[in-house]
């Protein structure tokens, strides 16, 4: 049983449809958009209902197109792969159009359309192919557009760079901030290294910040940007050296320099104390019960009164006495 597929008729003319059914058919019904048609008004039926006529046909008598739908196995595609979209449309569709971001797509270049335009293909997709895609169906009566779908293209990173660009010449105590960036979607992951060794603990943010304490923090800082979706990566580096007038021993860290300075101060203080006690013992007369007074901060190398004659009482001599300064040992902190 069947009828003429997709018949067309001029408005205000007569539409005539015939149903081909087996001779043994007892009941035959016609319906329009789900509603059963009965004779009356502009609708006429032949004996046995095999032929339907509609006088003065109008647009309301035509099939109304349902809204099409864009489907795809994946609306997110990696750069240089193939994008494939399909438009689900009513069979009565006469014209089907595709557009991206409001611009109609036509075959040519990298854009391919199947017969009837129901399938759109873009091989070697690039980042410019990302956007809002819709399909539109038309017949002589009306046209309907699908809901838009967002196509995302994953790409990069292509290049990476560090700001500020090098070479950099900061001074000791300066705060050095390096920012790594790369053209990639989605945003790349970052990994920093210093003089060929990974930073410990690992730094995976785009920004590296440090306070320059010593020469061991200078050298080459490298940023590696990766995109796990594309498997691509990009690297860039910047050189950091001490600024003019900075005299740091490249073999010593800031902690080592501080430790050596503290040890030297402690050794000098201990030596001064030993020499001072030695001078006291030489100066004390035989048989004296009360030792002479001890004066703090007296320069240890000068043995005051060591050459005095026995039995004489020379006037006390104070050499480089520094009562206002703090004791050397008070400055040592452990």
C-alpha atoms as a PDB file:
ATOM      1  CA  UNK A   1       0.000   0.000   0.000  1.00  0.00           C
ATOM      2  CA  UNK A   2       1.383   3.379  -0.923  1.00  0.00           C
ATOM      3  CA  UNK A   3       0.949   6.788  -2.485  1.00  0.00           C
ATOM      4  CA  UNK A   4       2.862   9.284  -4.528  1.00  0.00           C
ATOM      5  CA  UNK A   5       5.980  10.341  -2.565  1.00  0.00           C
ATOM      6  CA  UNK A   6       6.253  14.005  -1.653  1.00  0.00           C
ATOM      7  CA  UNK A   7       3.667  15.413  -4.098  1.00  0.00           C
ATOM      8  CA  UNK A   8       3.724  19.138  -4.799  1.00  0.00           C
ATOM      9  CA  UNK A   9       0.804  21.371  -5.717  1.00  0.00           C
ATOM     10  CA  UNK A  10       0.391  25.075  -6.327  1.00  0.00           C
ATOM     11  CA  UNK A  11      -1.507  26.990  -3.656  1.00  0.00           C
ATOM     12  CA  UNK A  12      -5.320  27.284  -4.300  1.00  0.00           C
ATOM     13  CA  UNK A  13      -5.253  24.368  -6.748  1.00  0.00           C
ATOM     14  CA  UNK A  14      -6.668  20.882  -6.119  1.00  0.00           C
ATOM     15  CA  UNK A  15      -4.602  18.172  -4.473  1.00  0.00           C
ATOM     16  CA  UNK A  16      -5.435  14.596  -5.484  1.00  0.00           C
ATOM     17  CA  UNK A  17      -3.921  11.567  -3.778  1.00  0.00           C
ATOM     18  CA  UNK A  18      -4.591   7.880  -4.519  1.00  0.00           C
ATOM     19  CA  UNK A  19      -3.895   5.040  -2.109  1.00  0.00           C
ATOM     20  CA  UNK A  20      -2.742   1.801  -3.731  1.00  0.00           C
ATOM     21  CA  UNK A  21      -4.168  -0.965  -1.568  1.00  0.00           C
ATOM     22  CA  UNK A  22      -4.995  -4.668  -2.071  1.00  0.00           C
ATOM     23  CA  UNK A  23      -8.487  -5.321  -3.536  1.00  0.00           C
ATOM     24  CA  UNK A  24      -9.429  -7.227  -0.413  1.00  0.00           C
ATOM     25  CA  UNK A  25      -9.039  -4.100   1.746  1.00  0.00           C
ATOM     26  CA  UNK A  26     -12.274  -3.468   3.613  1.00  0.00           C
ATOM     27  CA  UNK A  27     -11.446  -0.208   5.413  1.00  0.00           C
ATOM     28  CA  UNK A  28      -9.170   2.592   4.262  1.00  0.00           C
ATOM     29  CA  UNK A  29      -8.545   5.788   6.229  1.00  0.00           C
ATOM     30  CA  UNK A  30      -6.666   8.967   5.476  1.00  0.00           C
ATOM     31  CA  UNK A  31      -5.030  11.214   8.061  1.00  0.00           C
ATOM     32  CA  UNK A  32      -3.217  14.531   8.031  1.00  0.00           C
ATOM     33  CA  UNK A  33      -0.577  15.166  10.715  1.00  0.00           C
ATOM     34  CA  UNK A  34      -2.164  12.449  12.873  1.00  0.00           C
ATOM     35  CA  UNK A  35      -5.801  13.552  12.387  1.00  0.00           C
ATOM     36  CA  UNK A  36      -8.225  11.285  10.460  1.00  0.00           C
ATOM     37  CA  UNK A  37      -9.770  13.000   7.418  1.00  0.00           C
ATOM     38  CA  UNK A  38     -13.480  12.640   6.730  1.00  0.00           C
ATOM     39  CA  UNK A  39     -15.427  13.944   3.741  1.00  0.00           C
ATOM     40  CA  UNK A  40     -16.638  17.501   4.091  1.00  0.00           C
ATOM     41  CA  UNK A  41     -15.648  21.049   3.347  1.00  0.00           C
ATOM     42  CA  UNK A  42     -12.673  20.997   1.012  1.00  0.00           C
ATOM     43  CA  UNK A  43     -12.013  17.287   1.612  1.00  0.00           C
ATOM     44  CA  UNK A  44     -13.522  14.704  -0.739  1.00  0.00           C
ATOM     45  CA  UNK A  45     -13.175  10.919  -0.761  1.00  0.00           C
ATOM     46  CA  UNK A  46     -13.978   8.484  -3.570  1.00  0.00           C
ATOM     47  CA  UNK A  47     -16.058   5.339  -2.968  1.00  0.00           C
ATOM     48  CA  UNK A  48     -13.923   3.029  -0.839  1.00  0.00           C
ATOM     49  CA  UNK A  49     -11.768   6.054   0.139  1.00  0.00           C
ATOM     50  CA  UNK A  50      -9.065   5.124  -2.342  1.00  0.00           C
ATOM     51  CA  UNK A  51      -8.774   8.676  -3.684  1.00  0.00           C
ATOM     52  CA  UNK A  52      -8.495  11.843  -1.603  1.00  0.00           C
ATOM     53  CA  UNK A  53      -9.098  15.308  -3.040  1.00  0.00           C
ATOM     54  CA  UNK A  54      -8.488  18.643  -1.325  1.00  0.00           C
ATOM     55  CA  UNK A  55      -9.970  21.689  -3.040  1.00  0.00           C
ATOM     56  CA  UNK A  56      -8.204  25.070  -2.838  1.00  0.00           C
ATOM     57  CA  UNK A  57      -5.118  23.665  -1.142  1.00  0.00           C
ATOM     58  CA  UNK A  58      -3.266  26.055   1.208  1.00  0.00           C
ATOM     59  CA  UNK A  59      -0.068  26.092   3.251  1.00  0.00           C
ATOM     60  CA  UNK A  60      -1.759  24.570   6.284  1.00  0.00           C
ATOM     61  CA  UNK A  61      -2.456  21.478   4.167  1.00  0.00           C
ATOM     62  CA  UNK A  62       1.279  20.930   3.610  1.00  0.00           C
ATOM     63  CA  UNK A  63       3.579  18.931   5.866  1.00  0.00           C
ATOM     64  CA  UNK A  64       5.278  21.106   8.457  1.00  0.00           C
ATOM     65  CA  UNK A  65       8.968  20.343   8.710  1.00  0.00           C
ATOM     66  CA  UNK A  66      10.181  19.138  12.094  1.00  0.00           C
ATOM     67  CA  UNK A  67      13.317  20.654  13.601  1.00  0.00           C
ATOM     68  CA  UNK A  68      16.495  18.931  12.417  1.00  0.00           C
ATOM     69  CA  UNK A  69      19.294  17.883  14.763  1.00  0.00           C
ATOM     70  CA  UNK A  70      23.068  17.904  14.339  1.00  0.00           C
ATOM     71  CA  UNK A  71      24.731  14.723  15.592  1.00  0.00           C
ATOM     72  CA  UNK A  72      28.344  13.556  15.771  1.00  0.00           C
ATOM     73  CA  UNK A  73      30.413  10.904  17.496  1.00  0.00           C
ATOM     74  CA  UNK A  74      32.581  13.667  18.930  1.00  0.00           C
ATOM     75  CA  UNK A  75      32.188  17.436  18.912  1.00  0.00           C
ATOM     76  CA  UNK A  76      35.746  17.811  20.229  1.00  0.00           C
ATOM     77  CA  UNK A  77      38.394  17.012  17.638  1.00  0.00           C
ATOM     78  CA  UNK A  78      42.191  17.173  17.681  1.00  0.00           C
ATOM     79  CA  UNK A  79      43.850  19.500  15.191  1.00  0.00           C
ATOM     80  CA  UNK A  80      44.612  17.885  11.796  1.00  0.00           C
ATOM     81  CA  UNK A  81      42.023  15.132  12.373  1.00  0.00           C
ATOM     82  CA  UNK A  82      38.656  14.910  10.517  1.00  0.00           C
ATOM     83  CA  UNK A  83      35.460  16.582  11.713  1.00  0.00           C
ATOM     84  CA  UNK A  84      32.238  14.778  10.726  1.00  0.00           C
ATOM     85  CA  UNK A  85      28.737  16.121  11.415  1.00  0.00           C
ATOM     86  CA  UNK A  86      25.372  14.659  10.351  1.00  0.00           C
ATOM     87  CA  UNK A  87      22.047  16.480  10.089  1.00  0.00           C
ATOM     88  CA  UNK A  88      18.984  14.424  11.051  1.00  0.00           C
ATOM     89  CA  UNK A  89      16.224  15.911   8.886  1.00  0.00           C
ATOM     90  CA  UNK A  90      12.681  14.938   7.736  1.00  0.00           C
ATOM     91  CA  UNK A  91      12.491  12.836   4.535  1.00  0.00           C
ATOM     92  CA  UNK A  92      10.490  15.573   2.830  1.00  0.00           C
ATOM     93  CA  UNK A  93      13.426  17.985   3.080  1.00  0.00           C
ATOM     94  CA  UNK A  94      14.225  19.449  -0.304  1.00  0.00           C
ATOM     95  CA  UNK A  95      17.094  21.729   0.677  1.00  0.00           C
ATOM     96  CA  UNK A  96      19.627  21.348   3.482  1.00  0.00           C
ATOM     97  CA  UNK A  97      22.177  24.007   4.360  1.00  0.00           C
ATOM     98  CA  UNK A  98      25.084  24.104   6.835  1.00  0.00           C
ATOM     99  CA  UNK A  99      26.534  27.165   8.498  1.00  0.00           C
ATOM    100  CA  UNK A 100      29.277  27.959  10.992  1.00  0.00           C
ATOM    101  CA  UNK A 101      28.972  31.049  13.166  1.00  0.00           C
ATOM    102  CA  UNK A 102      26.309  32.409  10.788  1.00  0.00           C
ATOM    103  CA  UNK A 103      28.234  31.838   7.537  1.00  0.00           C
ATOM    104  CA  UNK A 104      26.876  29.304   5.018  1.00  0.00           C
ATOM    105  CA  UNK A 105      29.302  26.474   4.222  1.00  0.00           C
ATOM    106  CA  UNK A 106      29.642  25.330   0.617  1.00  0.00           C
ATOM    107  CA  UNK A 107      31.723  22.482  -0.809  1.00  0.00           C
ATOM    108  CA  UNK A 108      35.290  23.436  -1.603  1.00  0.00           C
ATOM    109  CA  UNK A 109      38.689  23.603   0.030  1.00  0.00           C
ATOM    110  CA  UNK A 110      38.521  21.385   3.104  1.00  0.00           C
ATOM    111  CA  UNK A 111      34.694  21.399   3.271  1.00  0.00           C
ATOM    112  CA  UNK A 112      32.998  18.272   1.918  1.00  0.00           C
ATOM    113  CA  UNK A 113      29.238  17.557   1.692  1.00  0.00           C
ATOM    114  CA  UNK A 114      27.541  14.241   0.987  1.00  0.00           C
ATOM    115  CA  UNK A 115      24.776  13.938  -1.657  1.00  0.00           C
ATOM    116  CA  UNK A 116      21.790  15.783  -0.251  1.00  0.00           C
ATOM    117  CA  UNK A 117      24.133  17.666   2.127  1.00  0.00           C
ATOM    118  CA  UNK A 118      23.115  15.556   5.105  1.00  0.00           C
ATOM    119  CA  UNK A 119      26.740  14.910   6.149  1.00  0.00           C
ATOM    120  CA  UNK A 120      29.423  17.559   6.544  1.00  0.00           C
ATOM    121  CA  UNK A 121      33.117  16.580   6.668  1.00  0.00           C
ATOM    122  CA  UNK A 122      36.177  18.763   7.294  1.00  0.00           C
ATOM    123  CA  UNK A 123      39.430  16.780   6.946  1.00  0.00           C
ATOM    124  CA  UNK A 124      42.605  18.252   8.427  1.00  0.00           C
ATOM    125  CA  UNK A 125      40.585  20.375  10.829  1.00  0.00           C
ATOM    126  CA  UNK A 126      42.286  23.490  12.178  1.00  0.00           C
ATOM    127  CA  UNK A 127      41.660  25.781  15.110  1.00  0.00           C
ATOM    128  CA  UNK A 128      39.757  28.165  12.787  1.00  0.00           C
ATOM    129  CA  UNK A 129      37.170  25.433  12.216  1.00  0.00           C
ATOM    130  CA  UNK A 130      36.001  25.635  15.826  1.00  0.00           C
ATOM    131  CA  UNK A 131      32.663  27.355  16.344  1.00  0.00           C
ATOM    132  CA  UNK A 132      28.869  27.058  16.381  1.00  0.00           C
ATOM    133  CA  UNK A 133      27.482  24.728  13.682  1.00  0.00           C
ATOM    134  CA  UNK A 134      23.826  24.447  12.591  1.00  0.00           C
ATOM    135  CA  UNK A 135      21.915  22.811   9.758  1.00  0.00           C
ATOM    136  CA  UNK A 136      18.765  24.235   8.159  1.00  0.00           C
ATOM    137  CA  UNK A 137      16.097  22.323   6.240  1.00  0.00           C
ATOM    138  CA  UNK A 138      13.720  23.850   3.730  1.00  0.00           C
ATOM    139  CA  UNK A 139      10.759  22.929   1.550  1.00  0.00           C
ATOM    140  CA  UNK A 140       8.446  25.176  -0.500  1.00  0.00           C
ATOM    141  CA  UNK A 141       6.324  25.837   2.578  1.00  0.00           C
ATOM    142  CA  UNK A 142       8.728  26.562   5.405  1.00  0.00           C
ATOM    143  CA  UNK A 143      12.265  26.227   6.786  1.00  0.00           C
ATOM    144  CA  UNK A 144      13.558  25.107  10.181  1.00  0.00           C
ATOM    145  CA  UNK A 145      17.011  25.495  11.732  1.00  0.00           C
ATOM    146  CA  UNK A 146      18.592  23.077  14.189  1.00  0.00           C
ATOM    147  CA  UNK A 147      19.955  23.961  17.591  1.00  0.00           C
ATOM    148  CA  UNK A 148      23.582  24.998  17.372  1.00  0.00           C
ATOM    149  CA  UNK A 149      26.369  22.670  18.475  1.00  0.00           C
ATOM    150  CA  UNK A 150      29.781  23.874  19.621  1.00  0.00           C
ATOM    151  CA  UNK A 151      32.747  22.235  17.917  1.00  0.00           C
ATOM    152  CA  UNK A 152      35.995  22.468  19.866  1.00  0.00           C
ATOM    153  CA  UNK A 153      39.412  21.986  18.275  1.00  0.00           C
ATOM    154  CA  UNK A 154      42.268  20.848  20.513  1.00  0.00           C
ATOM    155  CA  UNK A 155      45.703  22.111  19.468  1.00  0.00           C
ATOM    156  CA  UNK A 156      49.196  23.075  20.588  1.00  0.00           C
ATOM    157  CA  UNK A 157      51.370  23.971  22.201  1.00  0.00           C
ATOM    158  CA  UNK A 158      53.146  25.377  19.166  1.00  0.00           C
ATOM    159  CA  UNK A 159      55.540  27.813  20.827  1.00  0.00           C
ATOM    160  CA  UNK A 160      56.344  28.799  24.405  1.00  0.00           C
ATOM    161  CA  UNK A 161      57.944  31.913  25.859  1.00  0.00           C
ATOM    162  CA  UNK A 162      59.023  33.273  29.240  1.00  0.00           C
ATOM    163  CA  UNK A 163      58.390  36.806  30.466  1.00  0.00           C
ATOM    164  CA  UNK A 164      60.429  38.820  31.079  1.00  0.00           C
ATOM    165  CA  UNK A 165      62.756  37.641  28.318  1.00  0.00           C
ATOM    166  CA  UNK A 166      66.399  37.125  29.213  1.00  0.00           C
ATOM    167  CA  UNK A 167      69.154  37.433  29.892  1.00  0.00           C
ATOM    168  CA  UNK A 168      68.318  38.747  33.370  1.00  0.00           C
ATOM    169  CA  UNK A 169      70.835  40.334  35.771  1.00  0.00           C
ATOM    170  CA  UNK A 170      69.180  40.697  39.196  1.00  0.00           C
ATOM    171  CA  UNK A 171      70.984  41.699  42.398  1.00  0.00           C
ATOM    172  CA  UNK A 172      71.284  39.614  45.531  1.00  0.00           C
ATOM    173  CA  UNK A 173      68.071  39.918  47.516  1.00  0.00           C
ATOM    174  CA  UNK A 174      65.942  40.718  44.452  1.00  0.00           C
ATOM    175  CA  UNK A 175      62.642  38.916  43.899  1.00  0.00           C
ATOM    176  CA  UNK A 176      62.810  37.169  40.507  1.00  0.00           C
ATOM    177  CA  UNK A 177      59.478  36.189  38.894  1.00  0.00           C
ATOM    178  CA  UNK A 178      59.323  34.209  35.632  1.00  0.00           C
ATOM    179  CA  UNK A 179      56.034  33.565  33.791  1.00  0.00           C
ATOM    180  CA  UNK A 180      55.748  30.858  31.128  1.00  0.00           C
ATOM    181  CA  UNK A 181      53.044  30.935  28.428  1.00  0.00           C
ATOM    182  CA  UNK A 182      52.205  28.769  25.409  1.00  0.00           C
ATOM    183  CA  UNK A 183      49.544  28.848  22.670  1.00  0.00           C
ATOM    184  CA  UNK A 184      47.493  25.735  23.398  1.00  0.00           C
ATOM    185  CA  UNK A 185      43.953  24.479  24.002  1.00  0.00           C
ATOM    186  CA  UNK A 186      43.196  23.384  26.562  1.00  0.00           C
ATOM    187  CA  UNK A 187      45.743  25.266  28.657  1.00  0.00           C
ATOM    188  CA  UNK A 188      49.039  23.349  28.807  1.00  0.00           C
ATOM    189  CA  UNK A 189      50.757  21.817  31.797  1.00  0.00           C
ATOM    190  CA  UNK A 190      54.041  23.407  32.840  1.00  0.00           C
ATOM    191  CA  UNK A 191      57.233  21.902  34.248  1.00  0.00           C
ATOM    192  CA  UNK A 192      60.290  23.900  35.372  1.00  0.00           C
ATOM    193  CA  UNK A 193      63.951  22.879  35.556  1.00  0.00           C
ATOM    194  CA  UNK A 194      67.122  24.700  36.658  1.00  0.00           C
ATOM    195  CA  UNK A 195      70.483  24.060  34.994  1.00  0.00           C
ATOM    196  CA  UNK A 196      69.144  20.801  33.573  1.00  0.00           C
ATOM    197  CA  UNK A 197      67.731  19.447  36.844  1.00  0.00           C
ATOM    198  CA  UNK A 198      64.084  19.333  37.869  1.00  0.00           C
ATOM    199  CA  UNK A 199      63.130  21.720  40.638  1.00  0.00           C
ATOM    200  CA  UNK A 200      62.541  20.079  44.015  1.00  0.00           C
ATOM    201  CA  UNK A 201      59.761  20.158  44.959  1.00  0.00           C
ATOM    202  CA  UNK A 202      58.396  19.986  41.419  1.00  0.00           C
ATOM    203  CA  UNK A 203      56.847  23.205  40.103  1.00  0.00           C
ATOM    204  CA  UNK A 204      53.947  22.740  37.662  1.00  0.00           C
ATOM    205  CA  UNK A 205      52.442  26.233  37.619  1.00  0.00           C
ATOM    206  CA  UNK A 206      53.039  28.857  34.963  1.00  0.00           C
ATOM    207  CA  UNK A 207      54.795  31.209  37.415  1.00  0.00           C
ATOM    208  CA  UNK A 208      58.170  30.659  39.089  1.00  0.00           C
ATOM    209  CA  UNK A 209      59.147  33.103  41.845  1.00  0.00           C
ATOM    210  CA  UNK A 210      62.259  33.187  44.040  1.00  0.00           C
ATOM    211  CA  UNK A 211      64.333  35.554  46.170  1.00  0.00           C
ATOM    212  CA  UNK A 212      67.919  35.561  44.892  1.00  0.00           C
ATOM    213  CA  UNK A 213      70.096  34.584  47.888  1.00  0.00           C
ATOM    214  CA  UNK A 214      73.227  33.330  46.177  1.00  0.00           C
ATOM    215  CA  UNK A 215      74.952  32.351  42.977  1.00  0.00           C
ATOM    216  CA  UNK A 216      73.594  28.816  43.236  1.00  0.00           C
ATOM    217  CA  UNK A 217      70.201  30.232  42.212  1.00  0.00           C
ATOM    218  CA  UNK A 218      71.542  31.658  38.959  1.00  0.00           C
ATOM    219  CA  UNK A 219      71.880  29.848  35.642  1.00  0.00           C
ATOM    220  CA  UNK A 220      69.397  28.651  33.037  1.00  0.00           C
ATOM    221  CA  UNK A 221      65.726  28.205  33.938  1.00  0.00           C
ATOM    222  CA  UNK A 222      63.762  26.100  31.438  1.00  0.00           C
ATOM    223  CA  UNK A 223      59.974  25.826  31.041  1.00  0.00           C
ATOM    224  CA  UNK A 224      58.384  22.788  29.383  1.00  0.00           C
ATOM    225  CA  UNK A 225      54.745  23.161  28.217  1.00  0.00           C
ATOM    226  CA  UNK A 226      52.806  19.992  27.324  1.00  0.00           C
ATOM    227  CA  UNK A 227      49.294  19.162  26.096  1.00  0.00           C
ATOM    228  CA  UNK A 228      48.352  15.557  26.962  1.00  0.00           C
ATOM    229  CA  UNK A 229      45.435  15.627  24.483  1.00  0.00           C
ATOM    230  CA  UNK A 230      47.666  16.296  21.468  1.00  0.00           C
ATOM    231  CA  UNK A 231      50.870  14.740  22.801  1.00  0.00           C
ATOM    232  CA  UNK A 232      52.761  17.870  21.789  1.00  0.00           C
ATOM    233  CA  UNK A 233      55.191  19.947  23.831  1.00  0.00           C
ATOM    234  CA  UNK A 234      57.240  23.137  23.577  1.00  0.00           C
ATOM    235  CA  UNK A 235      60.197  24.413  25.604  1.00  0.00           C
ATOM    236  CA  UNK A 236      61.788  27.778  26.260  1.00  0.00           C
ATOM    237  CA  UNK A 237      64.472  29.036  28.637  1.00  0.00           C
ATOM    238  CA  UNK A 238      65.922  32.184  30.178  1.00  0.00           C
ATOM    239  CA  UNK A 239      69.387  32.931  31.583  1.00  0.00           C
ATOM    240  CA  UNK A 240      69.751  34.507  35.040  1.00  0.00           C
ATOM    241  CA  UNK A 241      73.134  35.876  36.180  1.00  0.00           C
ATOM    242  CA  UNK A 242      74.191  38.168  39.028  1.00  0.00           C
ATOM    243  CA  UNK A 243      74.053  41.861  38.279  1.00  0.00           C
ATOM    244  CA  UNK A 244      77.052  44.238  38.233  1.00  0.00           C
ATOM    245  CA  UNK A 245      79.081  44.485  41.426  1.00  0.00           C
ATOM    246  CA  UNK A 246      77.850  41.203  42.883  1.00  0.00           C
ATOM    247  CA  UNK A 247      80.888  39.288  44.228  1.00  0.00           C
ATOM    248  CA  UNK A 248      79.593  35.873  45.227  1.00  0.00           C
ATOM    249  CA  UNK A 249      81.849  32.806  45.260  1.00  0.00           C
ATOM    250  CA  UNK A 250      80.260  30.444  42.745  1.00  0.00           C
ATOM    251  CA  UNK A 251      81.529  27.458  44.766  1.00  0.00           C
ATOM    252  CA  UNK A 252      79.707  28.530  47.945  1.00  0.00           C
ATOM    253  CA  UNK A 253      76.055  28.702  48.687  1.00  0.00           C
ATOM    254  CA  UNK A 254      74.567  31.488  50.755  1.00  0.00           C
ATOM    255  CA  UNK A 255      74.302  29.137  53.726  1.00  0.00           C
ATOM    256  CA  UNK A 256      77.902  28.014  53.359  1.00  0.00           C
ATOM    257  CA  UNK A 257      79.168  31.603  53.246  1.00  0.00           C
ATOM    258  CA  UNK A 258      77.219  32.454  56.404  1.00  0.00           C
ATOM    259  CA  UNK A 259      78.544  29.342  58.150  1.00  0.00           C
ATOM    260  CA  UNK A 260      82.144  30.098  57.277  1.00  0.00           C
ATOM    261  CA  UNK A 261      81.798  33.692  58.485  1.00  0.00           C
ATOM    262  CA  UNK A 262      80.332  32.561  61.797  1.00  0.00           C
ATOM    263  CA  UNK A 263      83.055  29.926  62.290  1.00  0.00           C
ATOM    264  CA  UNK A 264      85.803  32.492  61.612  1.00  0.00           C
ATOM    265  CA  UNK A 265      84.319  34.875  64.155  1.00  0.00           C
ATOM    266  CA  UNK A 266      84.139  32.130  66.773  1.00  0.00           C
ATOM    267  CA  UNK A 267      87.756  31.080  66.141  1.00  0.00           C
ATOM    268  CA  UNK A 268      89.006  34.660  66.453  1.00  0.00           C
ATOM    269  CA  UNK A 269      87.121  35.129  69.703  1.00  0.00           C
ATOM    270  CA  UNK A 270      88.504  31.918  71.194  1.00  0.00           C
ATOM    271  CA  UNK A 271      92.064  32.882  70.240  1.00  0.00           C
ATOM    272  CA  UNK A 272      91.657  36.297  71.852  1.00  0.00           C
ATOM    273  CA  UNK A 273      90.433  34.725  75.066  1.00  0.00           C
ATOM    274  CA  UNK A 274      93.423  32.311  75.264  1.00  0.00           C
ATOM    275  CA  UNK A 275      95.965  35.118  74.724  1.00  0.00           C
ATOM    276  CA  UNK A 276      94.293  37.283  77.315  1.00  0.00           C
ATOM    277  CA  UNK A 277      94.369  34.563  79.963  1.00  0.00           C
ATOM    278  CA  UNK A 278      98.036  33.895  79.182  1.00  0.00           C
ATOM    279  CA  UNK A 279      98.875  37.548  79.774  1.00  0.00           C
ATOM    280  CA  UNK A 280      97.018  37.530  83.095  1.00  0.00           C
ATOM    281  CA  UNK A 281      99.047  34.601  84.369  1.00  0.00           C
ATOM    282  CA  UNK A 282     102.369  36.262  83.448  1.00  0.00           C
ATOM    283  CA  UNK A 283     101.419  39.529  85.053  1.00  0.00           C
ATOM    284  CA  UNK A 284     100.277  38.115  88.468  1.00  0.00           C
ATOM    285  CA  UNK A 285     103.121  38.631  91.161  1.00  0.00           C
ATOM    286  CA  UNK A 286     104.404  35.624  93.113  1.00  0.00           C
ATOM    287  CA  UNK A 287     102.624  35.063  96.397  1.00  0.00           C
ATOM    288  CA  UNK A 288      99.837  37.452  95.627  1.00  0.00           C
ATOM    289  CA  UNK A 289      96.531  36.151  96.867  1.00  0.00           C
ATOM    290  CA  UNK A 290      94.270  38.498  95.025  1.00  0.00           C
ATOM    291  CA  UNK A 291      94.636  38.569  91.248  1.00  0.00           C
ATOM    292  CA  UNK A 292      94.544  41.956  89.564  1.00  0.00           C
ATOM    293  CA  UNK A 293      91.204  43.118  88.216  1.00  0.00           C
ATOM    294  CA  UNK A 294      90.095  41.844  84.811  1.00  0.00           C
ATOM    295  CA  UNK A 295      88.905  44.390  82.265  1.00  0.00           C
ATOM    296  CA  UNK A 296      86.588  43.211  79.552  1.00  0.00           C
ATOM    297  CA  UNK A 297      87.142  44.064  75.863  1.00  0.00           C
ATOM    298  CA  UNK A 298      90.896  44.699  76.342  1.00  0.00           C
ATOM    299  CA  UNK A 299      92.717  43.915  73.108  1.00  0.00           C
ATOM    300  CA  UNK A 300      94.189  40.427  73.705  1.00  0.00           C
ATOM    301  CA  UNK A 301      97.555  40.802  71.850  1.00  0.00           C
ATOM    302  CA  UNK A 302      98.803  43.594  74.218  1.00  0.00           C
ATOM    303  CA  UNK A 303     100.134  42.064  77.499  1.00  0.00           C
ATOM    304  CA  UNK A 304      99.676  45.127  79.672  1.00  0.00           C
ATOM    305  CA  UNK A 305     102.437  45.569  82.250  1.00  0.00           C
ATOM    306  CA  UNK A 306     104.245  42.323  81.382  1.00  0.00           C
ATOM    307  CA  UNK A 307     107.668  44.043  81.605  1.00  0.00           C
ATOM    308  CA  UNK A 308     107.145  45.738  85.013  1.00  0.00           C
ATOM    309  CA  UNK A 309     109.934  45.396  87.666  1.00  0.00           C
ATOM    310  CA  UNK A 310     109.209  43.195  90.663  1.00  0.00           C
ATOM    311  CA  UNK A 311     107.857  45.069  93.625  1.00  0.00           C
ATOM    312  CA  UNK A 312     106.896  48.082  91.573  1.00  0.00           C
ATOM    313  CA  UNK A 313     103.283  49.157  91.247  1.00  0.00           C
ATOM    314  CA  UNK A 314     102.873  50.752  87.859  1.00  0.00           C
ATOM    315  CA  UNK A 315      99.827  52.789  87.127  1.00  0.00           C
ATOM    316  CA  UNK A 316      97.092  50.730  85.513  1.00  0.00           C
ATOM    317  CA  UNK A 317      96.986  51.144  81.757  1.00  0.00           C
ATOM    318  CA  UNK A 318      93.734  50.685  79.743  1.00  0.00           C
ATOM    319  CA  UNK A 319      94.281  49.988  76.111  1.00  0.00           C
ATOM    320  CA  UNK A 320      91.432  50.220  73.611  1.00  0.00           C
ATOM    321  CA  UNK A 321      88.892  49.659  76.345  1.00  0.00           C
ATOM    322  CA  UNK A 322      85.474  49.645  74.714  1.00  0.00           C
ATOM    323  CA  UNK A 323      82.884  49.747  77.469  1.00  0.00           C
ATOM    324  CA  UNK A 324      80.094  50.772  75.118  1.00  0.00           C
ATOM    325  CA  UNK A 325      80.355  47.830  72.733  1.00  0.00           C
ATOM    326  CA  UNK A 326      78.752  44.430  73.083  1.00  0.00           C
ATOM    327  CA  UNK A 327      80.914  41.473  74.042  1.00  0.00           C
ATOM    328  CA  UNK A 328      82.103  39.394  71.069  1.00  0.00           C
ATOM    329  CA  UNK A 329      80.639  36.222  72.468  1.00  0.00           C
ATOM    330  CA  UNK A 330      77.230  37.833  72.777  1.00  0.00           C
ATOM    331  CA  UNK A 331      77.190  38.188  69.018  1.00  0.00           C
ATOM    332  CA  UNK A 332      77.635  34.458  68.393  1.00  0.00           C
ATOM    333  CA  UNK A 333      74.283  32.764  67.861  1.00  0.00           C
ATOM    334  CA  UNK A 334      73.983  29.031  67.626  1.00  0.00           C
END
